[in-house]
Amino acid sequence: QVQLVESGGGLVQPGGSLRLSCAASGIDFSIYPVGWYRQAPGKQREMVATITRRSNPNYTDSVKGRFTISRDNAKNTVYLQMNSLKPEDTAVYYCHVQQRARDYWGQGTQVTVSS
């Protein structure tokens, strides 16, 4: 059974940093692209960053230069380093992987950027 568990969210002031982790079980993360998505209240879920099997990243424009996605295949974990956080980054952040045309999501971790 595939399970994704996000962690690392919290309350941070504007300009601060957080590192999110997505730990997987029941799946070999290393052979799949993995993505981070977020959903703010009243808004649709949006892609934040994705990473290919070969660790090539892709970012939505609003986080380029501030966020970095990475993976540690030995730990079966994908990370999202978030720097220079802004209030508009406030959302629940989800990890996603697709295996055999089935989507798997974690439970989400809340990120709140506020002074």
Protein backbone atom coordinates (compact mmCIF):
# COMPACT_ATOMS: atom_id res chain seq x y z
CA GLN A 1 0.00 0.00 0.00
CA VAL A 2 1.40 3.34 -1.06
CA GLN A 3 1.59 5.97 1.66
CA LEU A 4 2.98 9.48 1.50
CA VAL A 5 3.60 11.42 4.69
CA GLU A 6 4.40 15.12 4.60
CA SER A 7 6.03 16.99 7.45
CA GLY A 8 7.83 20.24 8.15
CA GLY A 9 5.04 22.76 7.87
CA GLY A 10 4.37 25.46 10.41
CA LEU A 11 4.04 29.15 11.09
CA VAL A 12 6.83 31.37 9.80
CA GLN A 13 7.30 35.10 9.36
CA PRO A 14 7.59 36.65 5.91
CA GLY A 15 11.11 36.19 4.62
CA GLY A 16 11.58 33.02 6.64
CA SER A 17 12.30 29.47 5.55
CA LEU A 18 10.85 26.01 5.94
CA ARG A 19 11.80 22.61 4.62
CA LEU A 20 9.03 20.18 3.83
CA SER A 21 9.61 16.45 3.64
CA CYS A 22 7.57 13.77 1.90
CA ALA A 23 8.42 10.25 3.02
CA ALA A 24 7.06 7.38 0.97
CA SER A 25 6.34 3.76 1.79
CA GLY A 26 5.01 0.99 -0.41
CA ILE A 27 6.60 2.52 -3.50
CA ASP A 28 10.10 3.02 -4.83
CA PHE A 29 10.13 6.81 -5.11
CA SER A 30 13.33 6.76 -7.12
CA ILE A 31 11.67 5.52 -10.30
CA TYR A 32 8.83 8.05 -10.40
CA PRO A 33 8.48 11.78 -10.87
CA VAL A 34 7.22 13.39 -7.67
CA GLY A 35 5.46 16.67 -7.17
CA TRP A 36 4.62 19.21 -4.50
CA TYR A 37 1.25 20.92 -4.78
CA ARG A 38 -0.50 23.44 -2.60
CA GLN A 39 -4.04 24.58 -1.94
CA ALA A 40 -4.94 27.86 -0.32
CA PRO A 41 -8.40 28.49 1.16
CA GLY A 42 -10.93 29.09 -1.58
CA LYS A 43 -8.47 28.29 -4.34
CA GLN A 44 -7.76 25.31 -6.55
CA ARG A 45 -4.84 23.03 -5.87
CA GLU A 46 -1.82 24.11 -7.90
CA MET A 47 1.50 22.58 -8.81
CA VAL A 48 4.43 24.11 -6.95
CA ALA A 49 7.36 21.97 -8.03
CA THR A 50 8.09 18.61 -9.61
CA ILE A 51 11.19 16.50 -9.86
CA THR A 52 11.93 13.83 -12.44
CA ARG A 53 13.53 10.45 -11.87
CA ARG A 54 16.83 12.03 -12.82
CA SER A 55 16.26 14.90 -10.38
CA ASN A 56 15.45 17.53 -12.98
CA PRO A 57 13.24 20.14 -11.32
CA ASN A 58 10.38 22.22 -12.59
CA TYR A 59 8.76 25.11 -10.72
CA THR A 60 5.74 27.28 -11.02
CA ASP A 61 6.79 30.85 -11.82
CA SER A 62 5.79 32.30 -8.47
CA VAL A 63 8.33 30.20 -6.55
CA LYS A 64 11.27 30.19 -8.95
CA GLY A 65 14.43 31.31 -7.23
CA ARG A 66 12.91 30.80 -3.78
CA PHE A 67 11.98 27.10 -3.59
CA THR A 68 14.14 24.07 -4.28
CA ILE A 69 12.87 20.54 -4.75
CA SER A 70 15.23 17.63 -4.17
CA ARG A 71 15.14 13.91 -3.54
CA ASP A 72 17.05 11.43 -1.41
CA ASN A 73 16.46 8.04 -2.97
CA ALA A 74 18.21 6.23 -0.12
CA LYS A 75 15.60 7.64 2.26
CA ASN A 76 12.73 7.37 -0.23
CA THR A 77 12.01 11.01 0.50
CA VAL A 78 11.45 14.19 -1.49
CA TYR A 79 12.03 17.62 -0.01
CA LEU A 80 10.88 21.15 -0.69
CA GLN A 81 13.17 23.86 0.64
CA MET A 82 11.23 27.10 0.82
CA ASN A 83 13.09 30.36 1.31
CA SER A 84 12.00 34.00 1.27
CA LEU A 85 8.49 32.94 2.13
CA LYS A 86 5.64 35.32 1.41
CA PRO A 87 2.12 35.52 2.86
CA GLU A 88 0.78 34.32 -0.49
CA ASP A 89 2.66 31.05 0.03
CA THR A 90 0.23 30.21 2.83
CA ALA A 91 -1.50 26.94 1.95
CA VAL A 92 -1.70 23.26 2.67
CA TYR A 93 1.15 21.57 0.84
CA TYR A 94 0.70 18.08 -0.60
CA CYS A 95 3.06 15.53 -2.02
CA HIS A 96 1.98 13.57 -5.12
CA VAL A 97 3.10 10.58 -7.11
CA GLN A 98 1.41 8.64 -9.86
CA GLN A 99 1.90 4.91 -10.17
CA ARG A 100 0.24 2.84 -12.91
CA ALA A 101 -2.15 5.73 -13.69
CA ARG A 102 -3.25 5.97 -10.06
CA ASP A 103 -2.69 9.16 -8.11
CA TYR A 104 -1.41 9.10 -4.57
CA TRP A 105 -1.49 12.09 -2.23
CA GLY A 106 -0.27 12.68 1.25
CA GLN A 107 -2.43 14.14 4.00
CA GLY A 108 -0.89 17.58 3.58
CA THR A 109 1.07 19.89 5.83
CA GLN A 110 -0.02 23.44 6.67
CA VAL A 111 2.31 26.31 5.87
CA THR A 112 1.33 29.71 7.25
CA VAL A 113 3.36 32.80 6.48
CA SER A 114 2.36 35.66 8.71
CA SER A 115 3.83 38.32 10.94
